[in-house]
């Protein structure tokens, strides 16, 4: 009976964010490195997309895509910073990053220099960067 009572306590302590079983010694450094790689990948994908757009379309649309791409980088940075705080005592993910797409839509509706669709597509460029980074990490681990 004593062994069956200890198993849930061990499992519960492993799920606590501050317990040594949940956080490995190098996890903070690994997470910071992952953050930098994701932001760098997003910047590279955005730069390539802006260059292609500038060549195929006009500078007006490329500028809108660039603004959206920078918004996506800001969103990703705010999200990763909020997630990074989870292991340091915070119990919830902040909602600050949700303001980025709202501000982008408002800015594109108010400013005649920005087009809504390229801004939103530029904002979503962090998604292919995440997929690309995941594939590269998977390939490196195998």
Protein backbone atom coordinates (compact mmCIF):
# COMPACT_ATOMS: atom_id res chain seq x y z
CA UNK A 1 0.00 0.00 0.00
CA UNK A 2 2.79 2.43 0.75
CA UNK A 3 4.31 2.02 -2.72
CA UNK A 4 0.99 2.82 -4.40
CA UNK A 5 0.67 6.04 -2.38
CA UNK A 6 4.16 7.23 -3.33
CA UNK A 7 3.72 6.81 -7.07
CA UNK A 8 1.23 9.70 -7.47
CA UNK A 9 3.42 11.97 -5.35
CA UNK A 10 6.45 11.21 -7.52
CA UNK A 11 4.43 11.80 -10.67
CA UNK A 12 2.98 15.01 -9.26
CA UNK A 13 6.41 16.31 -8.28
CA UNK A 14 7.75 15.57 -11.77
CA UNK A 15 4.99 17.74 -13.23
CA UNK A 16 5.81 20.72 -11.02
CA UNK A 17 7.72 23.33 -13.07
CA UNK A 18 10.20 24.07 -10.28
CA UNK A 19 11.07 20.44 -9.54
CA UNK A 20 14.45 19.12 -10.66
CA UNK A 21 12.75 16.26 -12.53
CA UNK A 22 10.82 18.69 -14.77
CA UNK A 23 13.67 21.07 -15.66
CA UNK A 24 16.98 19.76 -16.88
CA UNK A 25 20.10 21.84 -16.19
CA UNK A 26 20.59 22.97 -19.78
CA UNK A 27 16.95 23.53 -20.68
CA UNK A 28 17.07 27.34 -20.27
CA UNK A 29 20.05 27.60 -22.59
CA UNK A 30 18.48 25.19 -25.07
CA UNK A 31 15.24 27.17 -25.06
CA UNK A 32 17.07 30.47 -25.58
CA UNK A 33 18.99 28.92 -28.46
CA UNK A 34 15.74 27.63 -29.98
CA UNK A 35 14.21 31.11 -29.66
CA UNK A 36 17.13 32.67 -31.52
CA UNK A 37 17.00 30.04 -34.27
CA UNK A 38 13.25 30.50 -34.76
CA UNK A 39 13.50 34.27 -34.91
CA UNK A 40 16.47 34.04 -37.29
CA UNK A 41 14.57 31.59 -39.52
CA UNK A 42 11.55 33.90 -39.54
CA UNK A 43 13.72 36.86 -40.52
CA UNK A 44 15.33 34.85 -43.34
CA UNK A 45 12.00 33.56 -44.69
CA UNK A 46 10.56 37.09 -44.49
CA UNK A 47 13.56 38.62 -46.28
CA UNK A 48 13.35 36.06 -49.08
CA UNK A 49 9.60 36.60 -49.43
CA UNK A 50 10.02 40.39 -49.53
CA UNK A 51 12.74 40.15 -52.19
CA UNK A 52 10.65 37.85 -54.37
CA UNK A 53 7.61 40.08 -53.91
CA UNK A 54 9.62 43.19 -54.81
CA UNK A 55 10.80 41.49 -58.01
CA UNK A 56 7.44 40.04 -59.05
CA UNK A 57 5.10 42.77 -57.85
CA UNK A 58 5.71 46.34 -56.80
CA UNK A 59 7.50 47.98 -53.90
CA UNK A 60 4.20 48.97 -52.29
CA UNK A 61 3.18 45.33 -51.77
CA UNK A 62 6.71 44.32 -50.74
CA UNK A 63 6.68 47.03 -48.07
CA UNK A 64 3.37 45.75 -46.74
CA UNK A 65 4.78 42.22 -46.65
CA UNK A 66 7.86 43.50 -44.81
CA UNK A 67 5.74 45.24 -42.17
CA UNK A 68 3.72 42.06 -41.69
CA UNK A 69 6.89 39.97 -41.49
CA UNK A 70 8.34 42.23 -38.82
CA UNK A 71 5.04 41.98 -36.98
CA UNK A 72 5.33 38.19 -37.15
CA UNK A 73 8.85 38.37 -35.69
CA UNK A 74 7.58 40.60 -32.88
CA UNK A 75 4.67 38.21 -32.25
CA UNK A 76 7.01 35.21 -32.12
CA UNK A 77 9.41 37.02 -29.79
CA UNK A 78 6.60 38.08 -27.41
CA UNK A 79 5.13 34.58 -27.44
CA UNK A 80 8.48 32.90 -26.74
CA UNK A 81 9.21 35.36 -23.94
CA UNK A 82 5.82 34.63 -22.41
CA UNK A 83 6.32 30.86 -22.71
CA UNK A 84 9.80 31.21 -21.21
CA UNK A 85 8.26 32.70 -18.07
CA UNK A 86 6.13 29.60 -17.52
CA UNK A 87 8.95 27.72 -15.82
CA UNK A 88 9.85 30.69 -13.62
CA UNK A 89 6.74 30.86 -11.47
CA UNK A 90 4.16 32.09 -13.95
CA UNK A 91 1.18 29.77 -14.43
CA UNK A 92 -0.31 31.26 -17.59
CA UNK A 93 0.85 32.48 -20.97
CA UNK A 94 0.47 36.24 -21.41
CA UNK A 95 -1.88 37.72 -23.96
CA UNK A 96 0.29 40.69 -25.00
CA UNK A 97 1.35 39.02 -28.26
CA UNK A 98 -2.29 38.95 -29.41
CA UNK A 99 -2.16 42.73 -29.83
CA UNK A 100 0.32 42.41 -32.72
CA UNK A 101 -2.14 41.13 -35.37
CA UNK A 102 -4.77 43.58 -34.15
CA UNK A 103 -2.35 46.50 -34.50
CA UNK A 104 -1.30 45.26 -37.96
CA UNK A 105 -4.91 45.12 -39.18
CA UNK A 106 -5.67 48.55 -37.73
CA UNK A 107 -2.50 50.03 -39.22
CA UNK A 108 -3.21 48.56 -42.65
CA UNK A 109 -6.75 49.91 -42.58
CA UNK A 110 -5.64 53.41 -41.50
CA UNK A 111 -2.46 53.85 -43.52
CA UNK A 112 -2.83 54.09 -47.30
CA UNK A 113 0.75 52.83 -47.76
CA UNK A 114 -0.15 49.38 -46.42
CA UNK A 115 -2.27 46.68 -48.06
CA UNK A 116 -4.19 44.37 -45.74
CA UNK A 117 -3.59 41.03 -47.50
CA UNK A 118 0.21 41.37 -47.87
CA UNK A 119 0.45 42.53 -44.25
CA UNK A 120 -1.45 39.48 -43.04
CA UNK A 121 0.54 37.14 -45.29
CA UNK A 122 3.77 38.70 -44.03
CA UNK A 123 2.61 38.22 -40.45
CA UNK A 124 1.97 34.53 -41.13
CA UNK A 125 5.48 33.98 -42.51
CA UNK A 126 6.58 32.85 -39.07
CA UNK A 127 4.61 29.62 -39.68
CA UNK A 128 6.75 28.34 -42.60
CA UNK A 129 9.83 29.33 -40.61
CA UNK A 130 8.62 27.19 -37.69
CA UNK A 131 7.99 24.26 -40.03
CA UNK A 132 11.39 24.71 -41.66
CA UNK A 133 13.15 24.84 -38.30
CA UNK A 134 11.27 21.75 -37.10
CA UNK A 135 12.31 19.82 -40.21
CA UNK A 136 15.93 20.92 -39.80
CA UNK A 137 15.94 19.89 -36.13
CA UNK A 138 14.35 16.55 -36.99
CA UNK A 139 16.90 15.94 -39.71
CA UNK A 140 19.77 16.83 -37.39
CA UNK A 141 18.52 14.48 -34.67
CA UNK A 142 18.31 11.45 -36.98
